[in-house]
């Protein structure tokens, strides 16, 4: 009987796994099941060029629909998985069909954390997670409308930048005492707050939303915990995401803020894998486990799971990397800065080109590079090589980053 792989989730990770299985020579059946109507697509442009109207919908797709048919990948969109029986190795679908599997891949992704305040269900209160979310948001992005963004993370700040290009009045609310507080240093937080305020955004830190109030079912203003009212025609919620692990947990797969996997993306069931946002994986460059929410992670784990299924060597595990585009600023991040004990700034943080290097116990663990590709690329290589580099050398802008990197790698 022909072997079969079922991939639950048709996002970037699931799409990559299906494509890589064929590229690596898998000849059995591949079923790729997604709840959304669209085929696998890129999410990062949703809050950037797609929201701006500079990118057509079809250009978001990782592959045209015809590709899946030509590659004999059974792509099922608009279909929900309702249950998994690991004893009979079957996956039950919402339209009544059951799929048999030899190997099962969870690529269930993540979902937007819901706003836990009264009024969150009013009209014109949006998440920024899916194509459908953007489809509903776009018509409201009209000049002069007042936009309230709850949460000053990267998604919220990217949306603020786009909204200002559309001449909306924008207010950003953040509970913490600085923007991007959970993901970066005060140096970077200060830079991005100044950047947005220079573009006319009202940034409100140490501010907690109490409720949203509407008229005729549509949001009209927000009430803060101190009683202040802020008028708004649109509310965009960006307070983080949650891994979609429930389906796996119900099937008896081990989870811990994500589906637990080893370096080959295998769960506690050796025939079941998990990849992408939903996977809690070994972070080999840091000696610990965690989840990564990035394109890099989705693509890498899709390839790793596919390689293991067909018996190929594990593809290289790259240093985690991320990016954010806001106004004319491109931020490139290499590594993970959590737990840093020393920060070194290279260049002038009041300019629009500098980098912030993060060290832990004298070891380089991450960089935030603002319009500074050499710093990003060099740091990425240095972290991957576990190279020795002194904070003093990094701070010396009279020496090029290439020279610093070459010297460190030669030791």
Protein backbone atom coordinates (compact mmCIF):
# COMPACT_ATOMS: atom_id res chain seq x y z
CA UNK A 1 0.00 0.00 0.00
CA UNK A 2 1.26 3.49 -0.89
CA UNK A 3 2.67 5.43 2.06
CA UNK A 4 1.06 8.70 3.12
CA UNK A 5 2.05 11.91 4.90
CA UNK A 6 -0.66 14.20 6.27
CA UNK A 7 0.32 17.81 6.99
CA UNK A 8 -2.11 19.66 9.25
CA UNK A 9 -1.82 23.37 8.52
CA UNK A 10 -1.24 24.95 5.12
CA UNK A 11 0.85 27.94 6.14
CA UNK A 12 4.50 28.69 5.43
CA UNK A 13 5.77 25.71 7.46
CA UNK A 14 3.24 23.20 6.16
CA UNK A 15 3.66 24.36 2.58
CA UNK A 16 7.44 24.08 2.87
CA UNK A 17 7.21 20.56 4.32
CA UNK A 18 5.02 19.37 1.43
CA UNK A 19 7.29 20.96 -1.19
CA UNK A 20 10.45 19.61 0.46
CA UNK A 21 9.04 16.09 0.66
CA UNK A 22 8.69 16.06 -3.11
CA UNK A 23 12.06 17.77 -3.63
CA UNK A 24 13.72 15.15 -1.41
CA UNK A 25 12.21 12.31 -3.43
CA UNK A 26 9.18 11.23 -1.40
CA UNK A 27 6.87 9.30 -3.76
CA UNK A 28 3.90 8.55 -1.49
CA UNK A 29 0.71 10.51 -0.98
CA UNK A 30 0.93 14.00 0.53
CA UNK A 31 -2.20 15.57 2.00
CA UNK A 32 -1.87 19.26 2.93
CA UNK A 33 -4.88 20.43 4.96
CA UNK A 34 -5.55 24.10 5.75
CA UNK A 35 -8.43 25.92 7.43
CA UNK A 36 -8.00 29.10 5.37
CA UNK A 37 -9.38 29.35 1.85
CA UNK A 38 -6.04 30.50 0.40
CA UNK A 39 -3.13 28.21 -0.47
CA UNK A 40 0.06 28.56 1.63
CA UNK A 41 1.15 32.20 1.73
CA UNK A 42 3.65 34.58 3.32
CA UNK A 43 2.49 36.35 6.47
CA UNK A 44 5.15 39.06 7.00
CA UNK A 45 3.96 41.26 4.08
CA UNK A 46 0.45 41.37 5.57
CA UNK A 47 1.43 44.21 7.92
CA UNK A 48 3.76 45.80 5.36
CA UNK A 49 3.44 45.91 1.54
CA UNK A 50 0.16 43.99 1.31
CA UNK A 51 -1.55 46.32 3.77
CA UNK A 52 -0.15 49.27 1.77
CA UNK A 53 -1.67 47.86 -1.42
CA UNK A 54 1.79 47.48 -3.01
CA UNK A 55 1.59 43.69 -3.25
CA UNK A 56 -1.10 41.73 -5.07
CA UNK A 57 -2.81 38.87 -3.26
CA UNK A 58 -1.47 36.19 -5.60
CA UNK A 59 2.11 37.34 -4.99
CA UNK A 60 1.72 36.34 -1.34
CA UNK A 61 1.25 32.70 -2.34
CA UNK A 62 4.33 30.50 -1.89
CA UNK A 63 3.36 28.55 -5.00
CA UNK A 64 0.46 28.88 -7.45
CA UNK A 65 -2.36 26.39 -6.88
CA UNK A 66 -1.44 24.54 -10.06
CA UNK A 67 1.94 23.66 -8.56
CA UNK A 68 0.33 21.43 -5.93
CA UNK A 69 -1.71 19.59 -8.54
CA UNK A 70 1.33 19.16 -10.78
CA UNK A 71 3.37 17.90 -7.81
CA UNK A 72 0.63 15.48 -6.77
CA UNK A 73 0.14 17.25 -3.45
CA UNK A 74 -3.46 16.96 -2.29
CA UNK A 75 -4.09 20.53 -1.13
CA UNK A 76 -7.32 20.84 0.84
CA UNK A 77 -8.18 24.45 1.73
CA UNK A 78 -11.09 25.65 3.84
CA UNK A 79 -11.03 22.32 5.68
CA UNK A 80 -10.66 21.79 9.43
CA UNK A 81 -9.18 18.78 11.17
CA UNK A 82 -11.69 17.63 13.81
CA UNK A 83 -9.78 14.76 15.38
CA UNK A 84 -6.77 12.47 15.28
CA UNK A 85 -6.63 8.76 16.17
CA UNK A 86 -3.01 7.72 16.59
CA UNK A 87 -3.96 4.07 17.09
CA UNK A 88 -5.65 3.77 13.70
CA UNK A 89 -3.40 6.48 12.21
CA UNK A 90 -6.30 8.49 10.85
CA UNK A 91 -7.10 12.19 10.67
CA UNK A 92 -10.78 13.20 10.59
CA UNK A 93 -11.79 16.24 8.52
CA UNK A 94 -14.69 18.65 8.88
CA UNK A 95 -16.38 17.55 5.67
CA UNK A 96 -16.58 13.94 6.89
CA UNK A 97 -13.50 12.49 5.19
CA UNK A 98 -10.85 10.46 7.03
CA UNK A 99 -7.20 10.45 5.91
CA UNK A 100 -4.81 7.63 6.75
CA UNK A 101 -1.18 8.47 7.51
CA UNK A 102 2.17 6.83 8.00
CA UNK A 103 3.70 10.13 9.10
CA UNK A 104 1.82 13.12 10.48
CA UNK A 105 3.10 16.70 10.59
CA UNK A 106 1.52 19.38 12.78
CA UNK A 107 2.02 22.79 11.16
CA UNK A 108 -0.94 24.34 12.92
CA UNK A 109 0.76 27.69 13.49
CA UNK A 110 -0.52 30.22 15.99
CA UNK A 111 -3.42 32.55 16.56
CA UNK A 112 -3.72 36.12 17.75
CA UNK A 113 -4.14 36.53 21.48
CA UNK A 114 -7.64 37.93 22.05
CA UNK A 115 -8.23 41.25 23.77
CA UNK A 116 -9.58 40.43 27.27
CA UNK A 117 -11.65 43.59 27.64
CA UNK A 118 -15.33 44.52 27.18
CA UNK A 119 -16.06 45.73 23.67
CA UNK A 120 -13.50 43.49 21.97
CA UNK A 121 -16.29 42.07 19.78
CA UNK A 122 -17.36 45.45 18.36
CA UNK A 123 -17.14 46.13 14.63
CA UNK A 124 -13.86 47.63 13.37
CA UNK A 125 -11.82 45.83 16.05
CA UNK A 126 -9.26 43.78 14.13
CA UNK A 127 -6.47 41.28 14.52
CA UNK A 128 -3.60 41.34 12.03
CA UNK A 129 -2.92 37.67 11.43
CA UNK A 130 -4.58 36.37 8.26
CA UNK A 131 -5.51 37.41 4.74
CA UNK A 132 -9.12 37.68 5.89
CA UNK A 133 -8.07 40.03 8.71
CA UNK A 134 -6.39 42.35 6.21
CA UNK A 135 -9.33 42.09 3.83
CA UNK A 136 -11.60 43.43 6.57
CA UNK A 137 -9.11 46.07 7.77
CA UNK A 138 -8.16 47.62 4.42
CA UNK A 139 -11.48 49.37 3.67
CA UNK A 140 -11.27 51.13 7.05
CA UNK A 141 -7.79 52.52 6.39
CA UNK A 142 -9.12 55.87 5.18
CA UNK A 143 -7.44 59.27 5.54
CA UNK A 144 -8.56 61.06 8.68
CA UNK A 145 -9.83 57.97 10.49
CA UNK A 146 -8.55 57.50 14.02
CA UNK A 147 -6.67 54.25 14.60
CA UNK A 148 -5.94 52.86 18.04
CA UNK A 149 -3.29 50.12 18.20
CA UNK A 150 -3.21 48.02 21.35
CA UNK A 151 0.28 46.63 21.87
CA UNK A 152 3.60 48.16 20.80
CA UNK A 153 5.25 45.05 19.40
CA UNK A 154 6.67 44.78 15.90
CA UNK A 155 3.31 44.00 14.26
CA UNK A 156 1.61 46.96 15.93
CA UNK A 157 4.42 49.37 15.07
CA UNK A 158 4.57 48.16 11.45
CA UNK A 159 0.83 48.78 11.15
CA UNK A 160 1.28 52.23 12.70
CA UNK A 161 3.85 53.10 10.05
CA UNK A 162 1.52 52.02 7.23
CA UNK A 163 -1.40 53.90 8.78
CA UNK A 164 0.62 57.12 8.90
CA UNK A 165 1.40 56.71 5.19
CA UNK A 166 -2.38 56.67 4.70
CA UNK A 167 -2.73 59.82 6.85
CA UNK A 168 -4.68 58.17 9.65
CA UNK A 169 -4.44 59.58 13.16
CA UNK A 170 -2.62 56.88 15.12
CA UNK A 171 -2.37 56.20 18.84
CA UNK A 172 -0.38 53.25 20.18
CA UNK A 173 -1.14 51.91 23.67
CA UNK A 174 1.43 49.83 25.55
CA UNK A 175 1.09 48.47 29.09
CA UNK A 176 4.86 48.30 29.60
CA UNK A 177 7.04 51.33 30.27
CA UNK A 178 8.53 51.24 26.75
CA UNK A 179 7.72 49.97 23.26
CA UNK A 180 9.09 46.56 22.23
CA UNK A 181 9.81 45.93 25.91
CA UNK A 182 9.61 42.14 25.63
CA UNK A 183 11.88 41.75 22.65
CA UNK A 184 14.65 44.33 22.73
CA UNK A 185 16.77 46.74 24.77
CA UNK A 186 15.90 50.25 25.99
CA UNK A 187 18.25 51.67 23.31
CA UNK A 188 16.10 50.17 20.55
CA UNK A 189 12.87 51.03 22.34
CA UNK A 190 13.91 54.68 22.56
CA UNK A 191 14.88 54.74 18.89
CA UNK A 192 11.54 53.34 17.72
CA UNK A 193 9.48 55.55 20.00
CA UNK A 194 11.31 58.65 18.68
CA UNK A 195 10.88 57.40 15.11
CA UNK A 196 7.12 56.98 15.43
CA UNK A 197 6.59 60.20 17.31
CA UNK A 198 8.54 62.07 14.62
CA UNK A 199 6.00 60.70 12.13
CA UNK A 200 3.04 61.95 14.15
CA UNK A 201 2.15 58.79 16.09
CA UNK A 202 0.99 59.27 19.68
CA UNK A 203 2.80 56.59 21.71
CA UNK A 204 1.28 55.95 25.14
CA UNK A 205 3.35 53.68 27.40
CA UNK A 206 2.30 52.60 30.92
CA UNK A 207 -1.25 52.67 29.56
CA UNK A 208 -3.84 49.97 30.11
CA UNK A 209 -7.04 49.58 28.12
CA UNK A 210 -10.11 49.10 30.31
CA UNK A 211 -12.84 48.80 27.67
CA UNK A 212 -13.96 49.67 24.17
CA UNK A 213 -17.26 51.49 23.71
CA UNK A 214 -19.32 51.61 20.54
CA UNK A 215 -22.39 53.04 18.91
CA UNK A 216 -24.68 50.86 16.77
CA UNK A 217 -22.25 48.00 17.23
CA UNK A 218 -19.21 49.90 15.93
CA UNK A 219 -16.30 51.03 18.10
CA UNK A 220 -16.19 54.78 18.80
CA UNK A 221 -13.82 55.25 21.73
CA UNK A 222 -11.56 53.49 24.21
CA UNK A 223 -11.51 53.92 27.97
CA UNK A 224 -8.18 53.57 29.78
CA UNK A 225 -7.73 52.28 33.32
CA UNK A 226 -7.38 55.85 34.61
CA UNK A 227 -10.68 56.86 33.02
CA UNK A 228 -9.26 58.74 30.03
CA UNK A 229 -11.20 58.36 26.79
CA UNK A 230 -9.57 58.11 23.35
CA UNK A 231 -11.71 58.48 20.23
CA UNK A 232 -11.14 55.81 17.57
CA UNK A 233 -12.78 54.57 14.40
CA UNK A 234 -10.59 51.47 14.19
CA UNK A 235 -8.82 49.32 16.78
CA UNK A 236 -5.98 47.00 15.86
CA UNK A 237 -5.00 44.41 18.46
CA UNK A 238 -1.39 43.23 18.56
CA UNK A 239 -0.83 41.70 22.00
CA UNK A 240 0.95 38.53 20.96
CA UNK A 241 0.09 35.09 19.68
CA UNK A 242 -0.68 31.65 21.10
CA UNK A 243 0.52 28.35 19.61
CA UNK A 244 -2.21 26.12 18.18
CA UNK A 245 -1.32 23.06 20.24
CA UNK A 246 -4.77 21.87 21.35
CA UNK A 247 -5.31 19.37 18.54
CA UNK A 248 -1.97 17.73 19.31
CA UNK A 249 -2.58 17.74 23.06
CA UNK A 250 -5.99 16.10 22.57
CA UNK A 251 -4.23 13.35 20.60
CA UNK A 252 -1.83 12.69 23.48
CA UNK A 253 1.16 14.56 22.05
CA UNK A 254 3.38 16.25 24.67
CA UNK A 255 3.06 20.04 24.75
CA UNK A 256 4.59 22.89 26.76
CA UNK A 257 3.69 26.30 25.36
CA UNK A 258 3.92 24.61 21.97
CA UNK A 259 4.27 21.04 20.73
CA UNK A 260 7.50 19.55 22.10
CA UNK A 261 9.90 18.30 19.43
CA UNK A 262 13.51 17.15 19.08
CA UNK A 263 16.07 18.43 16.59
CA UNK A 264 14.43 16.36 13.82
CA UNK A 265 11.03 17.91 14.64
CA UNK A 266 9.72 14.62 16.08
CA UNK A 267 7.26 14.64 18.96
CA UNK A 268 6.97 11.97 21.67
CA UNK A 269 5.34 9.85 18.94
CA UNK A 270 8.17 9.06 16.47
CA UNK A 271 5.73 9.11 13.53
CA UNK A 272 4.37 12.55 14.43
CA UNK A 273 6.22 15.82 13.78
CA UNK A 274 5.57 19.48 14.57
CA UNK A 275 7.01 22.51 12.76
CA UNK A 276 6.73 26.30 12.68
CA UNK A 277 5.04 28.58 15.21
CA UNK A 278 3.36 25.68 17.02
CA UNK A 279 6.62 23.80 17.73
CA UNK A 280 8.65 24.09 20.94
CA UNK A 281 12.09 23.12 19.64
CA UNK A 282 15.72 22.85 20.74
CA UNK A 283 17.53 26.15 20.17
CA UNK A 284 20.90 24.60 19.46
CA UNK A 285 22.89 27.85 19.46
CA UNK A 286 21.64 28.68 22.97
CA UNK A 287 21.49 25.35 24.80
CA UNK A 288 17.80 25.63 25.60
CA UNK A 289 14.34 25.04 24.14
CA UNK A 290 11.76 27.54 22.92
CA UNK A 291 9.39 28.59 20.18
CA UNK A 292 10.41 30.73 17.23
CA UNK A 293 7.84 32.81 15.35
CA UNK A 294 9.55 33.54 12.04
CA UNK A 295 9.75 32.73 8.37
CA UNK A 296 13.26 31.36 8.93
CA UNK A 297 11.94 28.87 11.49
CA UNK A 298 8.97 27.77 9.35
CA UNK A 299 11.13 27.09 6.30
CA UNK A 300 13.95 25.44 8.27
CA UNK A 301 11.71 23.09 10.22
CA UNK A 302 9.68 22.21 7.13
CA UNK A 303 12.89 21.05 5.47
CA UNK A 304 14.13 19.24 8.59
CA UNK A 305 10.92 17.23 9.04
CA UNK A 306 10.80 16.33 5.35
CA UNK A 307 14.45 15.26 5.37
CA UNK A 308 13.93 12.99 8.37
CA UNK A 309 10.88 11.36 6.82
CA UNK A 310 12.78 10.44 3.64
CA UNK A 311 15.96 9.46 5.51
CA UNK A 312 18.17 12.35 4.44
CA UNK A 313 20.72 14.09 6.64
CA UNK A 314 19.36 16.90 8.78
CA UNK A 315 19.67 20.29 7.05
CA UNK A 316 21.77 22.91 8.83
CA UNK A 317 20.13 24.73 11.75
CA UNK A 318 20.70 28.43 11.21
CA UNK A 319 21.01 31.19 13.80
CA UNK A 320 17.46 32.55 14.25
CA UNK A 321 16.86 35.72 12.27
CA UNK A 322 14.03 38.19 11.88
CA UNK A 323 13.27 41.54 10.30
CA UNK A 324 10.91 44.51 10.52
CA UNK A 325 10.20 47.31 8.02
CA UNK A 326 8.90 50.62 9.40
CA UNK A 327 8.92 53.81 7.31
CA UNK A 328 12.38 53.89 5.63
CA UNK A 329 13.97 51.80 8.39
CA UNK A 330 14.89 48.15 7.93
CA UNK A 331 15.65 46.34 11.15
CA UNK A 332 17.48 43.02 10.82
CA UNK A 333 17.87 40.81 13.88
CA UNK A 334 20.28 37.90 14.23
CA UNK A 335 20.09 35.65 17.26
CA UNK A 336 18.06 35.84 20.46
CA UNK A 337 18.80 38.60 22.95
CA UNK A 338 16.81 37.26 25.94
CA UNK A 339 18.92 37.14 29.08
CA UNK A 340 21.65 39.51 27.86
CA UNK A 341 23.85 41.11 30.51
CA UNK A 342 25.73 43.63 28.33
CA UNK A 343 24.68 45.92 25.50
CA UNK A 344 27.13 47.53 23.07
CA UNK A 345 26.02 50.20 20.62
CA UNK A 346 27.94 50.47 17.35
CA UNK A 347 27.28 53.80 15.66
CA UNK A 348 24.96 56.63 16.62
CA UNK A 349 21.47 55.58 17.85
CA UNK A 350 20.16 59.06 17.04
CA UNK A 351 21.00 58.40 13.38
CA UNK A 352 19.19 56.00 11.07
CA UNK A 353 22.06 53.52 10.75
CA UNK A 354 23.52 51.76 13.79
CA UNK A 355 23.55 48.39 15.53
CA UNK A 356 23.06 47.09 19.05
CA UNK A 357 25.05 44.01 20.07
CA UNK A 358 23.96 41.80 22.97
CA UNK A 359 26.37 39.76 25.10
CA UNK A 360 25.85 37.17 27.81
CA UNK A 361 28.81 36.25 30.02
CA UNK A 362 31.11 37.79 27.43
CA UNK A 363 29.61 35.84 24.51
CA UNK A 364 27.84 37.50 21.56
CA UNK A 365 24.25 36.22 21.41
CA UNK A 366 22.34 38.69 19.23
CA UNK A 367 22.35 41.91 17.20
CA UNK A 368 19.69 44.46 16.24
CA UNK A 369 20.93 46.12 13.04
CA UNK A 370 19.15 49.30 11.91
CA UNK A 371 19.85 49.95 8.22
CA UNK A 372 23.16 48.15 8.84
CA UNK A 373 23.42 44.96 6.72
CA UNK A 374 27.17 44.37 7.38
CA UNK A 375 26.58 44.27 11.13
CA UNK A 376 23.66 41.87 10.70
CA UNK A 377 25.47 39.48 8.37
CA UNK A 378 28.71 39.53 10.35
CA UNK A 379 27.01 38.97 13.68
CA UNK A 380 24.98 36.09 12.23
CA UNK A 381 28.19 34.33 11.17
CA UNK A 382 29.93 35.06 14.47
CA UNK A 383 27.07 33.66 16.54
CA UNK A 384 26.88 30.55 14.34
CA UNK A 385 30.60 29.95 14.78
CA UNK A 386 30.47 30.62 18.54
CA UNK A 387 33.38 32.98 17.85
CA UNK A 388 35.13 35.04 20.49
CA UNK A 389 34.64 38.77 20.02
CA UNK A 390 35.19 41.58 22.48
CA UNK A 391 32.62 44.29 23.16
CA UNK A 392 35.37 46.89 22.74
CA UNK A 393 36.09 45.74 19.17
CA UNK A 394 32.41 45.89 18.24
CA UNK A 395 32.09 49.45 19.53
CA UNK A 396 35.04 50.69 17.43
CA UNK A 397 33.44 52.04 14.24
CA UNK A 398 36.88 52.94 12.81
CA UNK A 399 37.30 49.21 12.08
CA UNK A 400 34.91 47.68 9.55
CA UNK A 401 32.60 44.90 10.64
CA UNK A 402 34.11 42.64 8.00
CA UNK A 403 37.57 43.13 9.48
CA UNK A 404 36.26 42.41 12.99
CA UNK A 405 34.50 39.27 11.80
CA UNK A 406 37.46 37.99 9.77
CA UNK A 407 39.81 38.41 12.72
CA UNK A 408 37.41 36.67 15.11
CA UNK A 409 36.81 33.72 12.80
CA UNK A 410 40.57 33.27 12.24
CA UNK A 411 41.27 32.69 15.94
